[in-house]
Protein backbone atom coordinates (compact mmCIF):
# COMPACT_ATOMS: atom_id res chain seq x y z
CA UNK A 1 0.19 -0.19 -0.19
CA UNK A 2 1.70 3.36 -0.95
CA UNK A 3 0.60 5.04 1.69
CA UNK A 4 2.27 2.98 4.06
CA UNK A 5 5.15 2.41 2.22
CA UNK A 6 5.46 6.84 1.89
CA UNK A 7 5.23 7.61 5.86
CA UNK A 8 1.48 8.75 5.17
CA UNK A 9 -0.13 5.60 7.61
CA UNK A 10 0.07 7.15 10.67
CA UNK A 11 -1.72 10.59 9.52
CA UNK A 12 -4.55 8.26 7.77
CA UNK A 13 -5.14 5.89 10.57
CA UNK A 14 -5.32 9.11 13.23
CA UNK A 15 -7.77 10.81 11.03
CA UNK A 16 -10.50 7.33 11.18
CA UNK A 17 -13.10 7.19 13.26
CA UNK A 18 -13.57 3.87 15.45
CA UNK A 19 -16.03 2.54 12.98
CA UNK A 20 -14.54 3.50 9.60
CA UNK A 21 -11.08 2.18 10.64
CA UNK A 22 -12.70 -1.33 11.54
CA UNK A 23 -13.81 -1.08 7.81
CA UNK A 24 -10.60 0.07 6.60
CA UNK A 25 -8.84 -2.31 8.24
CA UNK A 26 -11.71 -5.06 7.00
CA UNK A 27 -11.02 -4.31 3.69
CA UNK A 28 -9.14 -7.49 2.36
CA UNK A 29 -8.32 -6.89 -0.60
CA UNK A 30 -5.91 -3.76 0.30
CA UNK A 31 -3.94 -5.83 2.17
CA UNK A 32 -4.51 -9.33 0.68
CA UNK A 33 -1.20 -10.47 -1.37
CA UNK A 34 -1.83 -11.46 -5.33
CA UNK A 35 -1.95 -15.22 -4.73
CA UNK A 36 -4.82 -14.43 -1.53
CA UNK A 37 -7.57 -12.95 -3.90
CA UNK A 38 -9.69 -15.12 -6.52
CA UNK A 39 -8.23 -16.20 -9.61
CA UNK A 40 -9.61 -14.64 -12.93
CA UNK A 41 -9.61 -17.94 -14.54
CA UNK A 42 -9.27 -21.94 -14.06
CA UNK A 43 -5.69 -23.10 -15.56
CA UNK A 44 -7.60 -23.81 -18.90
CA UNK A 45 -9.10 -20.48 -19.51
CA UNK A 46 -12.54 -19.66 -18.73
CA UNK A 47 -14.28 -20.04 -15.39
CA UNK A 48 -13.04 -21.88 -12.05
CA UNK A 49 -14.95 -24.17 -10.63
CA UNK A 50 -12.66 -25.01 -7.75
CA UNK A 51 -9.46 -22.79 -6.58
CA UNK A 52 -7.19 -24.56 -4.99
CA UNK A 53 -4.87 -22.99 -2.45
CA UNK A 54 -1.48 -24.57 -1.59
CA UNK A 55 0.78 -23.51 0.73
CA UNK A 56 3.50 -23.88 3.25
CA UNK A 57 2.69 -23.42 7.34
CA UNK A 58 1.70 -20.17 8.34
CA UNK A 59 1.41 -19.06 4.52
CA UNK A 60 -2.03 -17.24 5.52
CA UNK A 61 -4.20 -19.82 3.48
CA UNK A 62 -6.80 -19.67 6.90
CA UNK A 63 -6.98 -16.29 6.31
CA UNK A 64 -7.64 -17.03 2.71
CA UNK A 65 -10.41 -19.09 2.77
CA UNK A 66 -12.25 -17.21 5.53
CA UNK A 67 -12.11 -14.33 3.50
CA UNK A 68 -13.42 -16.21 0.72
CA UNK A 69 -16.04 -17.08 2.41
CA UNK A 70 -17.28 -13.61 4.02
CA UNK A 71 -17.09 -12.45 1.13
CA UNK A 72 -19.36 -14.60 -0.59
CA UNK A 73 -21.64 -14.19 2.63
CA UNK A 74 -22.01 -10.75 2.33
CA UNK A 75 -21.31 -10.23 -1.64
CA UNK A 76 -18.33 -8.35 -1.22
CA UNK A 77 -16.35 -7.63 -4.84
CA UNK A 78 -14.33 -9.25 -6.06
CA UNK A 79 -15.12 -12.25 -4.52
CA UNK A 80 -19.25 -12.15 -5.28
CA UNK A 81 -21.81 -9.75 -6.90
CA UNK A 82 -24.72 -10.77 -4.33
CA UNK A 83 -24.42 -12.73 -1.08
CA UNK A 84 -24.18 -16.63 -1.46
CA UNK A 85 -27.05 -17.79 1.09
CA UNK A 86 -25.74 -21.64 1.78
CA UNK A 87 -22.11 -22.34 2.03
CA UNK A 88 -20.56 -25.56 3.76
CA UNK A 89 -17.59 -25.35 5.42
CA UNK A 90 -15.64 -28.80 5.69
CA UNK A 91 -12.57 -29.28 7.95
CA UNK A 92 -10.21 -32.87 9.15
CA UNK A 93 -12.21 -32.90 12.19
CA UNK A 94 -14.80 -31.32 13.99
CA UNK A 95 -12.40 -30.12 16.33
CA UNK A 96 -10.37 -28.10 13.61
CA UNK A 97 -13.74 -26.86 12.05
CA UNK A 98 -14.19 -24.91 15.38
CA UNK A 99 -10.56 -24.35 16.53
CA UNK A 100 -8.90 -23.22 12.81
CA UNK A 101 -12.27 -22.65 10.58
CA UNK A 102 -14.53 -20.93 12.74
CA UNK A 103 -12.81 -19.62 16.24
CA UNK A 104 -9.04 -19.48 15.09
CA UNK A 105 -7.18 -16.32 14.98
CA UNK A 106 -7.08 -16.27 11.45
CA UNK A 107 -10.78 -17.94 11.29
CA UNK A 108 -14.76 -16.97 10.44
CA UNK A 109 -15.22 -15.37 13.58
CA UNK A 110 -12.15 -13.21 13.83
CA UNK A 111 -12.01 -11.51 10.61
CA UNK A 112 -15.59 -10.10 10.65
CA UNK A 113 -15.95 -6.43 12.02
CA UNK A 114 -18.25 -6.58 14.89
CA UNK A 115 -21.21 -4.89 12.35
CA UNK A 116 -20.98 -8.05 10.18
CA UNK A 117 -19.87 -10.92 12.41
CA UNK A 118 -22.30 -13.68 12.68
CA UNK A 119 -23.44 -16.28 15.16
CA UNK A 120 -21.95 -18.92 15.59
CA UNK A 121 -24.20 -21.86 16.60
CA UNK A 122 -21.76 -24.54 17.79
CA UNK A 123 -24.24 -27.04 18.59
CA UNK A 124 -25.69 -26.90 15.16
CA UNK A 125 -22.18 -26.24 13.66
CA UNK A 126 -23.84 -23.29 11.88
CA UNK A 127 -22.78 -19.52 11.22
CA UNK A 128 -26.00 -17.32 10.47
CA UNK A 129 -24.61 -13.70 9.19
CA UNK A 130 -27.06 -10.59 9.74
CA UNK A 131 -28.21 -10.87 5.92
CA UNK A 132 -29.73 -14.52 6.14
CA UNK A 133 -26.67 -15.99 4.84
CA UNK A 134 -25.71 -19.31 6.24
CA UNK A 135 -22.58 -21.34 6.58
CA UNK A 136 -22.89 -25.21 7.73
CA UNK A 137 -19.78 -26.95 9.08
CA UNK A 138 -18.73 -30.74 7.98
CA UNK A 139 -15.94 -33.09 9.34
CA UNK A 140 -13.90 -35.40 6.85
CA UNK A 141 -15.16 -38.31 9.52
CA UNK A 142 -18.26 -38.32 8.36
CA UNK A 143 -18.72 -38.39 4.46
CA UNK A 144 -22.38 -39.07 4.93
CA UNK A 145 -23.18 -36.14 6.56
CA UNK A 146 -23.15 -34.51 3.42
CA UNK A 147 -25.75 -36.44 1.59
CA UNK A 148 -28.87 -34.09 1.42
CA UNK A 149 -27.91 -30.72 2.09
CA UNK A 150 -27.15 -28.27 -0.71
CA UNK A 151 -24.67 -25.20 -1.22
CA UNK A 152 -24.21 -22.60 -3.80
CA UNK A 153 -20.17 -22.33 -2.61
CA UNK A 154 -17.94 -24.45 -0.21
CA UNK A 155 -14.32 -24.06 1.61
CA UNK A 156 -12.10 -27.22 2.26
CA UNK A 157 -9.67 -26.91 4.90
CA UNK A 158 -6.62 -29.29 4.67
CA UNK A 159 -7.97 -31.70 2.49
CA UNK A 160 -4.47 -33.31 2.24
CA UNK A 161 -5.14 -34.62 5.88
CA UNK A 162 -8.99 -35.97 5.21
CA UNK A 163 -8.90 -39.23 6.50
CA UNK A 164 -12.08 -40.48 3.92
CA UNK A 165 -11.10 -37.69 1.20
CA UNK A 166 -12.65 -39.12 -1.68
CA UNK A 167 -15.64 -40.09 -0.10
CA UNK A 168 -16.15 -37.07 1.75
CA UNK A 169 -14.95 -35.00 -1.73
CA UNK A 170 -17.35 -36.79 -4.04
CA UNK A 171 -20.10 -36.50 -1.27
CA UNK A 172 -20.07 -32.74 -1.27
CA UNK A 173 -19.81 -32.19 -4.87
CA UNK A 174 -23.49 -33.65 -5.12
CA UNK A 175 -24.16 -31.18 -2.95
CA UNK A 176 -22.68 -28.07 -4.74
CA UNK A 177 -25.96 -27.33 -6.93
CA UNK A 178 -27.35 -24.03 -5.97
CA UNK A 179 -27.20 -20.81 -7.85
CA UNK A 180 -25.69 -20.19 -11.23
CA UNK A 181 -22.22 -20.59 -10.25
CA UNK A 182 -21.44 -23.33 -7.75
CA UNK A 183 -17.92 -22.84 -6.59
CA UNK A 184 -14.99 -24.62 -3.95
CA UNK A 185 -11.85 -23.01 -2.27
CA UNK A 186 -9.16 -25.59 -0.90
CA UNK A 187 -6.87 -24.15 1.23
CA UNK A 188 -4.50 -27.19 2.09
CA UNK A 189 -0.63 -27.92 2.27
CA UNK A 190 0.13 -30.21 -0.28
CA UNK A 191 0.51 -33.80 0.08
CA UNK A 192 1.00 -36.48 -2.94
CA UNK A 193 -2.63 -37.70 -2.94
CA UNK A 194 -4.35 -38.59 -5.45
CA UNK A 195 -6.96 -36.74 -5.20
CA UNK A 196 -4.62 -33.17 -4.41
CA UNK A 197 -2.91 -34.44 -7.62
CA UNK A 198 -5.84 -35.07 -9.36
CA UNK A 199 -7.40 -31.58 -9.07
CA UNK A 200 -4.15 -29.89 -9.58
CA UNK A 201 -3.80 -31.19 -13.04
CA UNK A 202 -7.17 -30.26 -14.01
CA UNK A 203 -7.58 -27.74 -16.48
CA UNK A 204 -10.78 -26.32 -14.62
CA UNK A 205 -8.79 -25.83 -11.39
CA UNK A 206 -7.42 -22.75 -10.65
CA UNK A 207 -4.12 -22.54 -9.07
CA UNK A 208 -2.21 -20.41 -6.43
CA UNK A 209 0.59 -20.87 -4.17
CA UNK A 210 2.54 -19.61 -1.29
CA UNK A 211 5.50 -20.87 0.60
CA UNK A 212 5.87 -19.82 4.51
CA UNK A 213 8.03 -16.79 3.54
CA UNK A 214 5.50 -14.79 2.00
CA UNK A 215 3.79 -13.98 5.42
CA UNK A 216 6.66 -13.19 6.89
CA UNK A 217 5.24 -9.95 8.26
CA UNK A 218 2.96 -11.71 9.93
CA UNK A 219 4.35 -14.47 12.02
CA UNK A 220 6.07 -14.70 15.06
CA UNK A 221 9.91 -13.27 14.99
CA UNK A 222 12.86 -15.78 14.49
CA UNK A 223 10.32 -18.44 13.46
CA UNK A 224 11.25 -18.25 9.78
CA UNK A 225 15.11 -18.31 10.90
CA UNK A 226 14.66 -21.36 13.24
CA UNK A 227 12.66 -23.40 11.33
CA UNK A 228 14.07 -22.89 7.78
CA UNK A 229 17.58 -23.08 9.55
CA UNK A 230 16.66 -26.84 10.40
CA UNK A 231 14.16 -27.69 7.64
CA UNK A 232 15.46 -26.02 4.58
CA UNK A 233 16.26 -28.06 2.21
CA UNK A 234 14.54 -31.53 3.42
CA UNK A 235 11.78 -33.18 2.14
CA UNK A 236 9.67 -31.77 5.08
CA UNK A 237 11.16 -28.59 4.16
CA UNK A 238 9.68 -28.70 0.99
CA UNK A 239 6.42 -29.85 1.74
CA UNK A 240 5.43 -27.87 4.80
CA UNK A 241 7.31 -24.92 3.95
CA UNK A 242 7.60 -24.50 0.38
CA UNK A 243 4.08 -25.83 -0.54
CA UNK A 244 5.47 -28.39 -3.00
CA UNK A 245 4.53 -31.57 -3.66
CA UNK A 246 6.93 -34.16 -2.74
CA UNK A 247 6.32 -37.62 -4.47
CA UNK A 248 7.31 -41.08 -2.75
CA UNK A 249 7.09 -43.98 -4.40
CA UNK A 250 4.33 -46.14 -3.24
CA UNK A 251 7.58 -49.63 -3.40
CA UNK A 252 10.29 -47.60 -1.74
CA UNK A 253 12.67 -49.19 -0.11
CA UNK A 254 13.48 -46.16 2.16
CA UNK A 255 10.26 -44.15 3.85
CA UNK A 256 10.62 -40.25 4.06
CA UNK A 257 8.58 -40.77 7.90
CA UNK A 258 12.15 -42.71 8.65
CA UNK A 259 14.19 -40.11 7.74
CA UNK A 260 12.54 -37.42 8.95
CA UNK A 261 12.42 -39.04 12.42
CA UNK A 262 15.91 -39.59 12.28
CA UNK A 263 16.86 -36.14 11.46
CA UNK A 264 19.27 -34.66 13.91
CA UNK A 265 21.38 -30.95 13.98
CA UNK A 266 24.66 -32.34 14.79
CA UNK A 267 26.29 -35.83 15.41
CA UNK A 268 27.18 -37.49 18.44
CA UNK A 269 30.92 -38.13 18.99
CA UNK A 270 31.92 -40.93 16.81
CA UNK A 271 34.19 -43.79 17.66
CA UNK A 272 34.83 -44.70 13.70
CA UNK A 273 34.12 -42.54 10.70
CA UNK A 274 34.24 -43.94 6.60
CA UNK A 275 33.88 -41.85 3.58
CA UNK A 276 32.07 -44.27 1.27
CA UNK A 277 32.77 -43.90 -2.70
CA UNK A 278 30.42 -45.24 -5.90
CA UNK A 279 32.76 -44.30 -8.57
CA UNK A 280 31.29 -44.24 -12.45
CA UNK A 281 31.16 -47.45 -14.02
CA UNK A 282 34.44 -48.10 -15.16
CA UNK A 283 36.03 -44.83 -14.35
CA UNK A 284 34.40 -43.44 -17.63
CA UNK A 285 35.38 -39.46 -17.75
CA UNK A 286 32.49 -37.21 -16.94
CA UNK A 287 30.08 -39.46 -14.86
CA UNK A 288 28.41 -39.59 -11.75
CA UNK A 289 30.31 -40.26 -8.28
CA UNK A 290 28.46 -41.22 -4.93
CA UNK A 291 30.25 -40.02 -2.53
CA UNK A 292 29.02 -40.51 1.09
CA UNK A 293 30.40 -40.19 5.01
CA UNK A 294 29.65 -41.61 7.88
CA UNK A 295 29.66 -42.38 11.22
CA UNK A 296 29.12 -44.74 14.15
CA UNK A 297 28.53 -43.44 17.97
CA UNK A 298 29.46 -45.25 20.72
CA UNK A 299 25.17 -45.02 21.61
CA UNK A 300 25.43 -47.65 18.46
CA UNK A 301 23.49 -45.21 16.16
CA UNK A 302 25.52 -44.36 13.00
CA UNK A 303 25.02 -41.26 11.19
CA UNK A 304 25.23 -39.52 8.11
CA UNK A 305 27.60 -37.10 8.36
CA UNK A 306 28.01 -35.57 4.55
CA UNK A 307 26.89 -36.26 1.09
CA UNK A 308 29.96 -35.27 -1.04
CA UNK A 309 28.73 -36.53 -4.51
CA UNK A 310 29.25 -35.57 -7.69
CA UNK A 311 26.96 -34.97 -10.72
CA UNK A 312 29.66 -35.24 -13.43
CA UNK A 313 33.33 -35.70 -12.13
CA UNK A 314 36.64 -36.45 -14.25
CA UNK A 315 38.62 -39.46 -12.24
CA UNK A 316 40.80 -36.86 -10.51
CA UNK A 317 37.99 -34.65 -9.07
CA UNK A 318 36.43 -37.59 -7.90
CA UNK A 319 39.17 -38.82 -6.43
CA UNK A 320 40.20 -35.55 -4.68
CA UNK A 321 36.86 -35.06 -3.45
CA UNK A 322 37.14 -38.05 -1.65
CA UNK A 323 40.01 -37.55 -0.38
CA UNK A 324 39.74 -34.52 0.82
CA UNK A 325 36.25 -35.26 2.58
CA UNK A 326 38.81 -38.22 4.55
CA UNK A 327 40.90 -35.88 5.50
CA UNK A 328 38.41 -32.71 6.51
CA UNK A 329 36.36 -36.15 8.93
CA UNK A 330 39.46 -37.51 9.87
CA UNK A 331 38.02 -40.78 8.76
CA UNK A 332 39.30 -44.46 9.23
CA UNK A 333 39.29 -45.58 5.59
CA UNK A 334 38.02 -44.75 2.50
CA UNK A 335 35.81 -47.66 0.91
CA UNK A 336 35.46 -47.58 -2.99
CA UNK A 337 33.53 -50.39 -4.56
CA UNK A 338 35.85 -51.49 -7.64
CA UNK A 339 33.49 -54.15 -9.79
CA UNK A 340 34.47 -52.01 -12.61
CA UNK A 341 37.46 -50.60 -13.23
CA UNK A 342 39.22 -51.57 -9.71
CA UNK A 343 43.18 -50.74 -11.19
CA UNK A 344 42.58 -47.46 -12.38
CA UNK A 345 40.67 -46.46 -9.59
CA UNK A 346 43.65 -47.46 -6.96
CA UNK A 347 46.07 -45.89 -9.49
CA UNK A 348 44.10 -42.49 -9.66
CA UNK A 349 43.57 -42.74 -5.50
CA UNK A 350 47.17 -43.25 -5.20
CA UNK A 351 48.29 -40.52 -7.58
CA UNK A 352 46.64 -37.48 -5.31
CA UNK A 353 47.94 -39.59 -1.91
CA UNK A 354 49.40 -42.79 -1.50
CA UNK A 355 48.81 -42.90 2.45
CA UNK A 356 45.15 -42.86 2.60
CA UNK A 357 44.51 -46.37 3.82
CA UNK A 358 41.21 -47.80 0.94
CA UNK A 359 39.42 -50.64 1.32
CA UNK A 360 38.45 -51.97 -2.12
CA UNK A 361 35.43 -53.58 -2.46
CA UNK A 362 32.85 -55.55 -4.74
CA UNK A 363 29.06 -56.06 -4.62
CA UNK A 364 28.44 -59.55 -5.04
CA UNK A 365 24.37 -58.97 -4.96
CA UNK A 366 22.03 -56.73 -6.72
CA UNK A 367 21.98 -52.83 -5.73
CA UNK A 368 18.22 -53.19 -4.03
CA UNK A 369 19.46 -56.91 -2.11
CA UNK A 370 22.46 -55.11 -0.43
CA UNK A 371 20.53 -51.69 0.50
CA UNK A 372 17.59 -53.87 2.22
CA UNK A 373 19.59 -54.39 5.52
CA UNK A 374 20.07 -51.05 5.61
CA UNK A 375 16.31 -50.08 5.13
CA UNK A 376 16.08 -52.07 8.05
CA UNK A 377 18.22 -50.12 9.63
CA UNK A 378 16.23 -46.53 9.01
CA UNK A 379 13.02 -48.04 10.08
CA UNK A 380 14.68 -49.69 13.32
CA UNK A 381 15.94 -46.05 13.81
CA UNK A 382 19.30 -46.93 14.61
CA UNK A 383 20.74 -44.55 11.41
CA UNK A 384 20.52 -40.88 11.73
CA UNK A 385 21.34 -37.53 9.31
CA UNK A 386 23.12 -34.93 10.71
CA UNK A 387 21.87 -32.15 8.72
CA UNK A 388 19.58 -32.44 5.27
CA UNK A 389 21.01 -34.61 2.28
CA UNK A 390 18.03 -33.46 -0.29
CA UNK A 391 19.64 -35.18 -2.80
CA UNK A 392 20.43 -38.07 -1.19
CA UNK A 393 17.24 -38.46 0.45
CA UNK A 394 15.38 -37.66 -3.17
CA UNK A 395 17.70 -40.97 -4.00
CA UNK A 396 16.64 -42.77 -1.33
CA UNK A 397 13.19 -42.21 -1.83
CA UNK A 398 12.64 -42.65 -5.17
CA UNK A 399 14.40 -45.88 -5.24
CA UNK A 400 11.73 -49.13 -5.29
CA UNK A 401 12.28 -52.78 -6.80
CA UNK A 402 13.19 -51.53 -10.08
CA UNK A 403 15.37 -49.38 -9.10
CA UNK A 404 15.53 -45.48 -9.95
CA UNK A 405 12.76 -44.04 -12.31
CA UNK A 406 13.93 -43.81 -15.61
CA UNK A 407 16.90 -46.28 -14.98
CA UNK A 408 18.80 -43.47 -13.41
CA UNK A 409 22.13 -45.41 -11.29
CA UNK A 410 21.76 -44.77 -7.02
CA UNK A 411 25.04 -43.59 -6.90
CA UNK A 412 24.88 -41.59 -3.80
CA UNK A 413 22.41 -44.49 -2.34
CA UNK A 414 25.28 -46.75 -3.02
CA UNK A 415 27.45 -45.07 -1.19
CA UNK A 416 25.55 -44.81 1.31
CA UNK A 417 24.95 -48.60 1.82
CA UNK A 418 28.18 -49.13 1.44
CA UNK A 419 28.98 -46.81 4.91
CA UNK A 420 26.39 -48.09 6.69
CA UNK A 421 26.46 -51.73 6.20
CA UNK A 422 30.57 -51.53 6.80
CA UNK A 423 29.83 -49.49 10.03
CA UNK A 424 26.81 -51.82 11.41
CA UNK A 425 26.66 -54.73 9.40
CA UNK A 426 30.17 -56.12 9.12
CA UNK A 427 31.41 -56.20 12.91
CA UNK A 428 33.52 -53.36 11.60
CA UNK A 429 32.69 -51.20 14.52
CA UNK A 430 35.22 -52.03 17.19
CA UNK A 431 37.74 -49.80 16.62
CA UNK A 432 38.41 -47.98 20.19
CA UNK A 433 39.36 -44.41 18.91
CA UNK A 434 36.95 -41.82 19.96
CA UNK A 435 37.09 -38.48 17.20
CA UNK A 436 34.86 -35.13 18.93
CA UNK A 437 32.83 -33.53 15.50
CA UNK A 438 33.64 -29.96 16.52
């Protein structure tokens, strides 16, 4: 708002009486971001029937949905040309309906100025405006409750979390049959559910996106610094902060929830550290090379310490990176897979530093079979990630029985498997030396 930016806001506000000030502060289009206002058209052109608002935690999704309902109920531009008489509001649970959509800090009661505020009849789960408009509340735990009622519009909150999403959404569609233009707004942090992906790809859907940082001015001090510092670059961060779809194979060997559950800011002091290398096949120039460091603590927990992998690397480049990682972490051994080009691998490492103790490894089983015992350790909570390793974690959660999509080689994952196997599954952890990871 230009008057705010030019320092004229105080003069303007001081000249307003209480009633005028309340109306001014309730003028949502004046303060809203573009992604919080109704789009002009659907993705494929033409009018939209579904407005899908995807956003990170705290991005203002609830305020967007509540203001849309207020605009419809009161017939306020740019939301509606006349009041909508019957509106459905649907939450994950009845508790969420009351505490978030209705009574929350950005809910329907809070955003109305006193003269416009609807009456909340909690026992009937019903909001009634002075002009006669009504919003009826529902829970996704009870799809059948939507059988029978009819509406002109609906607001669905956190659809990606609904326990019976498909059934509830289907029942709602049958009820959207009043007025000239039945519409619905869906506000949610995205998860790759079948329903949500289908709606996002529908050309009749209007799509808005917002990251958590877009609403920084309205979040608690230091929230972004603390939360982003911990989750930036992680799959959970991409989903919960950026509002992105984070795909995961149903048959993936490693589960995101196990990785996230084991994420820590720093590792314990480790008694053994190794750096594992999965060189490009045959030592080809410019190939991908997996380089992963891991350590074993006296507690018996394994820690992933670094992913130093290279997407395109000459033999000299990957060998130099591996040895530099070994030195930086004061590792005990450099583990190198040598199924192909073993002598070349040995030679290029010796050229850079012949004093580095190299353990040559040969794979006798397929990649999936080798990775299974390591995936079991993750499921048992015995492996921690000391920080975020987005590219490595993407390979882990997209690795299935047929490998990675598109036939890509899981170089980072291979290196991880070698490191954890060596530390935890081969009796290699007996070395007594303890190092602090300062």
